[in-house]
């Protein structure tokens, strides 16, 4: 009767190959997740016209103010950064001549409570179709559009100061454009 005995070296090689295999599987899953979050060729960019979203009684164009610029704010209930920004957003939203619309990808009681405390001039919606149509993969994210539904700014927001800076930068550009418009009209 032959017994099958592995040497210490063979056991060590098997262990190393097993660890390497597990690492390669983990690495491939990580790379897949990174690639899925990369910008897409069809992702909306500055100067693009914001496409309309229609589904189940919801139409984005119908809630946009035709006379004002709008800040579309994309969040996820499970995002700790989003949860931290929401209370601050409710305090600063009235300081800007922008309409704010918050889109929440997922619902949970804590975030719904935060959203219910928003001032009534901040609109909130739970609509996954908007995320799919605009290829929103990372939150929090902001898209600022003008009254013609043209994207003026788009950026990731990691704290309220980034949002304030983005809006401040946008206001300067909008003011300059309006001054030029008045001069040319």
C-alpha atoms as a PDB file:
ATOM      1  CA  UNK A   1       0.000   0.000   0.000  1.00  0.00           C
ATOM      2  CA  UNK A   2       1.468   3.236  -1.156  1.00  0.00           C
ATOM      3  CA  UNK A   3       0.919   6.280   0.989  1.00  0.00           C
ATOM      4  CA  UNK A   4       0.897   9.688  -0.544  1.00  0.00           C
ATOM      5  CA  UNK A   5       3.147  11.985   1.444  1.00  0.00           C
ATOM      6  CA  UNK A   6       3.872  15.601   0.603  1.00  0.00           C
ATOM      7  CA  UNK A   7       7.134  17.182   1.470  1.00  0.00           C
ATOM      8  CA  UNK A   8       7.239  20.446   3.417  1.00  0.00           C
ATOM      9  CA  UNK A   9       8.245  22.239   0.242  1.00  0.00           C
ATOM     10  CA  UNK A  10       5.227  20.889  -1.656  1.00  0.00           C
ATOM     11  CA  UNK A  11       2.898  21.933   1.172  1.00  0.00           C
ATOM     12  CA  UNK A  12       4.442  25.396   1.175  1.00  0.00           C
ATOM     13  CA  UNK A  13       3.970  25.707  -2.601  1.00  0.00           C
ATOM     14  CA  UNK A  14       0.322  24.621  -2.332  1.00  0.00           C
ATOM     15  CA  UNK A  15      -0.291  27.175   0.433  1.00  0.00           C
ATOM     16  CA  UNK A  16       1.342  29.964  -1.580  1.00  0.00           C
ATOM     17  CA  UNK A  17      -0.667  29.073  -4.683  1.00  0.00           C
ATOM     18  CA  UNK A  18      -3.892  29.017  -2.661  1.00  0.00           C
ATOM     19  CA  UNK A  19      -3.184  32.455  -1.164  1.00  0.00           C
ATOM     20  CA  UNK A  20      -2.261  33.827  -4.586  1.00  0.00           C
ATOM     21  CA  UNK A  21      -5.478  32.454  -6.083  1.00  0.00           C
ATOM     22  CA  UNK A  22      -7.565  34.053  -3.361  1.00  0.00           C
ATOM     23  CA  UNK A  23      -5.710  37.362  -3.841  1.00  0.00           C
ATOM     24  CA  UNK A  24      -6.249  37.269  -7.621  1.00  0.00           C
ATOM     25  CA  UNK A  25      -9.988  36.625  -7.180  1.00  0.00           C
ATOM     26  CA  UNK A  26     -10.251  39.504  -4.673  1.00  0.00           C
ATOM     27  CA  UNK A  27      -8.227  41.792  -6.936  1.00  0.00           C
ATOM     28  CA  UNK A  28     -10.383  41.027  -9.976  1.00  0.00           C
ATOM     29  CA  UNK A  29     -13.541  41.864  -7.982  1.00  0.00           C
ATOM     30  CA  UNK A  30     -11.958  45.113  -6.829  1.00  0.00           C
ATOM     31  CA  UNK A  31     -10.959  46.072 -10.380  1.00  0.00           C
ATOM     32  CA  UNK A  32     -14.470  45.269 -11.610  1.00  0.00           C
ATOM     33  CA  UNK A  33     -15.940  47.609  -8.976  1.00  0.00           C
ATOM     34  CA  UNK A  34     -13.472  50.380  -9.862  1.00  0.00           C
ATOM     35  CA  UNK A  35     -14.218  50.071 -13.572  1.00  0.00           C
ATOM     36  CA  UNK A  36     -17.969  50.145 -12.936  1.00  0.00           C
ATOM     37  CA  UNK A  37     -17.551  53.509 -11.174  1.00  0.00           C
ATOM     38  CA  UNK A  38     -15.368  55.112 -13.849  1.00  0.00           C
ATOM     39  CA  UNK A  39     -16.844  57.841 -16.034  1.00  0.00           C
ATOM     40  CA  UNK A  40     -18.714  56.485 -18.986  1.00  0.00           C
ATOM     41  CA  UNK A  41     -18.509  57.760 -22.529  1.00  0.00           C
ATOM     42  CA  UNK A  42     -22.201  58.601 -22.305  1.00  0.00           C
ATOM     43  CA  UNK A  43     -21.950  60.370 -18.954  1.00  0.00           C
ATOM     44  CA  UNK A  44     -23.377  63.883 -18.859  1.00  0.00           C
ATOM     45  CA  UNK A  45     -20.789  66.627 -19.087  1.00  0.00           C
ATOM     46  CA  UNK A  46     -20.689  70.389 -18.771  1.00  0.00           C
ATOM     47  CA  UNK A  47     -22.484  72.108 -21.686  1.00  0.00           C
ATOM     48  CA  UNK A  48     -24.670  69.039 -22.382  1.00  0.00           C
ATOM     49  CA  UNK A  49     -28.418  69.499 -22.333  1.00  0.00           C
ATOM     50  CA  UNK A  50     -29.901  67.631 -19.399  1.00  0.00           C
ATOM     51  CA  UNK A  51     -32.154  64.892 -20.791  1.00  0.00           C
ATOM     52  CA  UNK A  52     -35.645  64.570 -19.381  1.00  0.00           C
ATOM     53  CA  UNK A  53     -36.573  61.632 -17.165  1.00  0.00           C
ATOM     54  CA  UNK A  54     -40.114  60.270 -17.302  1.00  0.00           C
ATOM     55  CA  UNK A  55     -41.412  57.306 -15.347  1.00  0.00           C
ATOM     56  CA  UNK A  56     -44.468  56.388 -13.293  1.00  0.00           C
ATOM     57  CA  UNK A  57     -46.001  59.857 -13.121  1.00  0.00           C
ATOM     58  CA  UNK A  58     -42.640  61.573 -12.651  1.00  0.00           C
ATOM     59  CA  UNK A  59     -41.220  64.001 -15.205  1.00  0.00           C
ATOM     60  CA  UNK A  60     -38.067  65.922 -14.331  1.00  0.00           C
ATOM     61  CA  UNK A  61     -38.672  68.810 -16.729  1.00  0.00           C
ATOM     62  CA  UNK A  62     -42.035  69.509 -15.092  1.00  0.00           C
ATOM     63  CA  UNK A  63     -40.423  70.167 -11.683  1.00  0.00           C
ATOM     64  CA  UNK A  64     -37.638  72.413 -12.995  1.00  0.00           C
ATOM     65  CA  UNK A  65     -38.130  76.143 -12.675  1.00  0.00           C
ATOM     66  CA  UNK A  66     -37.941  77.628 -16.165  1.00  0.00           C
ATOM     67  CA  UNK A  67     -36.775  80.997 -14.826  1.00  0.00           C
ATOM     68  CA  UNK A  68     -34.100  79.931 -12.398  1.00  0.00           C
ATOM     69  CA  UNK A  69     -30.979  77.827 -12.235  1.00  0.00           C
ATOM     70  CA  UNK A  70     -31.247  74.504 -10.437  1.00  0.00           C
ATOM     71  CA  UNK A  71     -28.886  72.459  -8.298  1.00  0.00           C
ATOM     72  CA  UNK A  72     -29.597  68.730  -8.624  1.00  0.00           C
ATOM     73  CA  UNK A  73     -28.131  67.050  -5.564  1.00  0.00           C
ATOM     74  CA  UNK A  74     -27.709  63.247  -5.690  1.00  0.00           C
ATOM     75  CA  UNK A  75     -27.412  61.311  -2.437  1.00  0.00           C
ATOM     76  CA  UNK A  76     -27.729  57.802  -1.056  1.00  0.00           C
ATOM     77  CA  UNK A  77     -29.304  57.084   2.325  1.00  0.00           C
ATOM     78  CA  UNK A  78     -26.446  54.754   3.193  1.00  0.00           C
ATOM     79  CA  UNK A  79     -23.737  57.356   2.513  1.00  0.00           C
ATOM     80  CA  UNK A  80     -22.303  58.879   5.718  1.00  0.00           C
ATOM     81  CA  UNK A  81     -20.993  61.934   3.825  1.00  0.00           C
ATOM     82  CA  UNK A  82     -24.480  62.565   2.399  1.00  0.00           C
ATOM     83  CA  UNK A  83     -26.028  62.314   5.863  1.00  0.00           C
ATOM     84  CA  UNK A  84     -23.488  64.826   7.168  1.00  0.00           C
ATOM     85  CA  UNK A  85     -24.129  67.326   4.369  1.00  0.00           C
ATOM     86  CA  UNK A  86     -27.955  67.291   4.486  1.00  0.00           C
ATOM     87  CA  UNK A  87     -28.405  69.260   7.751  1.00  0.00           C
ATOM     88  CA  UNK A  88     -25.901  71.873   6.532  1.00  0.00           C
ATOM     89  CA  UNK A  89     -27.585  72.048   3.129  1.00  0.00           C
ATOM     90  CA  UNK A  90     -30.930  72.862   4.739  1.00  0.00           C
ATOM     91  CA  UNK A  91     -29.259  75.860   6.430  1.00  0.00           C
ATOM     92  CA  UNK A  92     -27.524  77.276   3.332  1.00  0.00           C
ATOM     93  CA  UNK A  93     -30.038  76.487   0.569  1.00  0.00           C
ATOM     94  CA  UNK A  94     -31.876  79.788   1.080  1.00  0.00           C
ATOM     95  CA  UNK A  95     -28.674  81.812   0.690  1.00  0.00           C
ATOM     96  CA  UNK A  96     -28.424  81.117  -3.037  1.00  0.00           C
ATOM     97  CA  UNK A  97     -30.588  82.051  -5.973  1.00  0.00           C
ATOM     98  CA  UNK A  98     -30.793  78.432  -7.009  1.00  0.00           C
ATOM     99  CA  UNK A  99     -33.555  75.888  -6.792  1.00  0.00           C
ATOM    100  CA  UNK A 100     -32.406  72.764  -4.970  1.00  0.00           C
ATOM    101  CA  UNK A 101     -33.703  69.315  -5.871  1.00  0.00           C
ATOM    102  CA  UNK A 102     -32.420  66.338  -3.891  1.00  0.00           C
ATOM    103  CA  UNK A 103     -32.582  62.857  -5.382  1.00  0.00           C
ATOM    104  CA  UNK A 104     -32.189  60.013  -2.899  1.00  0.00           C
ATOM    105  CA  UNK A 105     -31.235  56.656  -4.364  1.00  0.00           C
ATOM    106  CA  UNK A 106     -32.287  54.538  -1.378  1.00  0.00           C
ATOM    107  CA  UNK A 107     -34.759  55.082   1.403  1.00  0.00           C
ATOM    108  CA  UNK A 108     -34.258  54.626   5.104  1.00  0.00           C
ATOM    109  CA  UNK A 109     -36.009  56.145   8.083  1.00  0.00           C
ATOM    110  CA  UNK A 110     -33.053  58.258   9.287  1.00  0.00           C
ATOM    111  CA  UNK A 111     -32.471  59.923   5.904  1.00  0.00           C
ATOM    112  CA  UNK A 112     -36.202  60.339   5.256  1.00  0.00           C
ATOM    113  CA  UNK A 113     -36.387  62.213   8.564  1.00  0.00           C
ATOM    114  CA  UNK A 114     -33.478  64.472   7.496  1.00  0.00           C
ATOM    115  CA  UNK A 115     -35.126  65.100   4.134  1.00  0.00           C
ATOM    116  CA  UNK A 116     -38.473  65.900   5.776  1.00  0.00           C
ATOM    117  CA  UNK A 117     -36.731  68.682   7.725  1.00  0.00           C
ATOM    118  CA  UNK A 118     -35.609  70.425   4.543  1.00  0.00           C
ATOM    119  CA  UNK A 119     -37.163  73.826   3.876  1.00  0.00           C
ATOM    120  CA  UNK A 120     -40.172  73.629   1.535  1.00  0.00           C
ATOM    121  CA  UNK A 121     -38.229  75.334  -1.259  1.00  0.00           C
ATOM    122  CA  UNK A 122     -35.914  72.288  -1.388  1.00  0.00           C
ATOM    123  CA  UNK A 123     -37.668  69.517  -3.311  1.00  0.00           C
ATOM    124  CA  UNK A 124     -36.824  65.892  -2.549  1.00  0.00           C
ATOM    125  CA  UNK A 125     -37.480  62.765  -4.612  1.00  0.00           C
ATOM    126  CA  UNK A 126     -36.696  59.054  -4.458  1.00  0.00           C
ATOM    127  CA  UNK A 127     -36.313  58.057  -8.089  1.00  0.00           C
ATOM    128  CA  UNK A 128     -33.780  55.429  -9.180  1.00  0.00           C
ATOM    129  CA  UNK A 129     -34.545  56.100 -12.851  1.00  0.00           C
ATOM    130  CA  UNK A 130     -32.791  59.481 -12.572  1.00  0.00           C
ATOM    131  CA  UNK A 131     -29.629  57.737 -11.338  1.00  0.00           C
ATOM    132  CA  UNK A 132     -29.764  55.257 -14.198  1.00  0.00           C
ATOM    133  CA  UNK A 133     -30.451  57.868 -16.879  1.00  0.00           C
ATOM    134  CA  UNK A 134     -27.697  60.243 -15.710  1.00  0.00           C
ATOM    135  CA  UNK A 135     -25.245  57.427 -14.855  1.00  0.00           C
ATOM    136  CA  UNK A 136     -24.805  58.609 -11.277  1.00  0.00           C
ATOM    137  CA  UNK A 137     -22.463  56.045  -9.743  1.00  0.00           C
ATOM    138  CA  UNK A 138     -20.805  58.035  -6.971  1.00  0.00           C
ATOM    139  CA  UNK A 139     -22.526  60.215  -4.375  1.00  0.00           C
ATOM    140  CA  UNK A 140     -22.821  62.874  -3.133  1.00  0.00           C
ATOM    141  CA  UNK A 141     -22.783  64.579  -6.493  1.00  0.00           C
ATOM    142  CA  UNK A 142     -24.146  67.874  -7.799  1.00  0.00           C
ATOM    143  CA  UNK A 143     -25.248  68.961 -11.253  1.00  0.00           C
ATOM    144  CA  UNK A 144     -26.047  72.655 -11.691  1.00  0.00           C
ATOM    145  CA  UNK A 145     -28.176  73.493 -14.709  1.00  0.00           C
ATOM    146  CA  UNK A 146     -29.293  76.824 -16.131  1.00  0.00           C
ATOM    147  CA  UNK A 147     -32.835  77.812 -17.091  1.00  0.00           C
ATOM    148  CA  UNK A 148     -32.303  76.254 -20.541  1.00  0.00           C
ATOM    149  CA  UNK A 149     -31.475  72.886 -18.898  1.00  0.00           C
ATOM    150  CA  UNK A 150     -27.810  73.102 -19.930  1.00  0.00           C
ATOM    151  CA  UNK A 151     -25.329  71.599 -17.460  1.00  0.00           C
ATOM    152  CA  UNK A 152     -23.128  74.391 -16.137  1.00  0.00           C
ATOM    153  CA  UNK A 153     -21.298  72.503 -13.391  1.00  0.00           C
ATOM    154  CA  UNK A 154     -20.974  68.917 -12.264  1.00  0.00           C
ATOM    155  CA  UNK A 155     -18.888  67.764  -9.362  1.00  0.00           C
ATOM    156  CA  UNK A 156     -18.512  65.302  -6.517  1.00  0.00           C
ATOM    157  CA  UNK A 157     -19.136  66.862  -3.124  1.00  0.00           C
ATOM    158  CA  UNK A 158     -17.207  65.553  -0.130  1.00  0.00           C
ATOM    159  CA  UNK A 159     -18.259  68.324   2.267  1.00  0.00           C
ATOM    160  CA  UNK A 160     -20.439  71.417   2.422  1.00  0.00           C
ATOM    161  CA  UNK A 161     -17.502  73.744   1.675  1.00  0.00           C
ATOM    162  CA  UNK A 162     -16.969  72.088  -1.706  1.00  0.00           C
ATOM    163  CA  UNK A 163     -20.647  72.696  -2.479  1.00  0.00           C
ATOM    164  CA  UNK A 164     -20.385  76.351  -1.393  1.00  0.00           C
ATOM    165  CA  UNK A 165     -17.258  76.825  -3.527  1.00  0.00           C
ATOM    166  CA  UNK A 166     -18.912  75.178  -6.521  1.00  0.00           C
ATOM    167  CA  UNK A 167     -22.005  77.371  -6.218  1.00  0.00           C
ATOM    168  CA  UNK A 168     -19.877  80.484  -5.631  1.00  0.00           C
ATOM    169  CA  UNK A 169     -17.794  79.718  -8.722  1.00  0.00           C
ATOM    170  CA  UNK A 170     -20.959  79.089 -10.694  1.00  0.00           C
ATOM    171  CA  UNK A 171     -22.530  82.362  -9.515  1.00  0.00           C
ATOM    172  CA  UNK A 172     -19.471  84.297 -10.758  1.00  0.00           C
ATOM    173  CA  UNK A 173     -19.696  82.665 -14.183  1.00  0.00           C
ATOM    174  CA  UNK A 174     -23.470  83.203 -14.364  1.00  0.00           C
ATOM    175  CA  UNK A 175     -23.082  86.872 -13.359  1.00  0.00           C
ATOM    176  CA  UNK A 176     -20.439  87.466 -16.031  1.00  0.00           C
ATOM    177  CA  UNK A 177     -22.619  85.765 -18.656  1.00  0.00           C
ATOM    178  CA  UNK A 178     -25.648  87.829 -17.658  1.00  0.00           C
ATOM    179  CA  UNK A 179     -23.622  91.048 -17.808  1.00  0.00           C
ATOM    180  CA  UNK A 180     -22.444  90.144 -21.309  1.00  0.00           C
ATOM    181  CA  UNK A 181     -26.001  89.277 -22.284  1.00  0.00           C
ATOM    182  CA  UNK A 182     -27.228  92.706 -21.149  1.00  0.00           C
ATOM    183  CA  UNK A 183     -24.429  94.441 -23.060  1.00  0.00           C
ATOM    184  CA  UNK A 184     -25.196  92.527 -26.272  1.00  0.00           C
ATOM    185  CA  UNK A 185     -28.987  92.827 -26.027  1.00  0.00           C
END
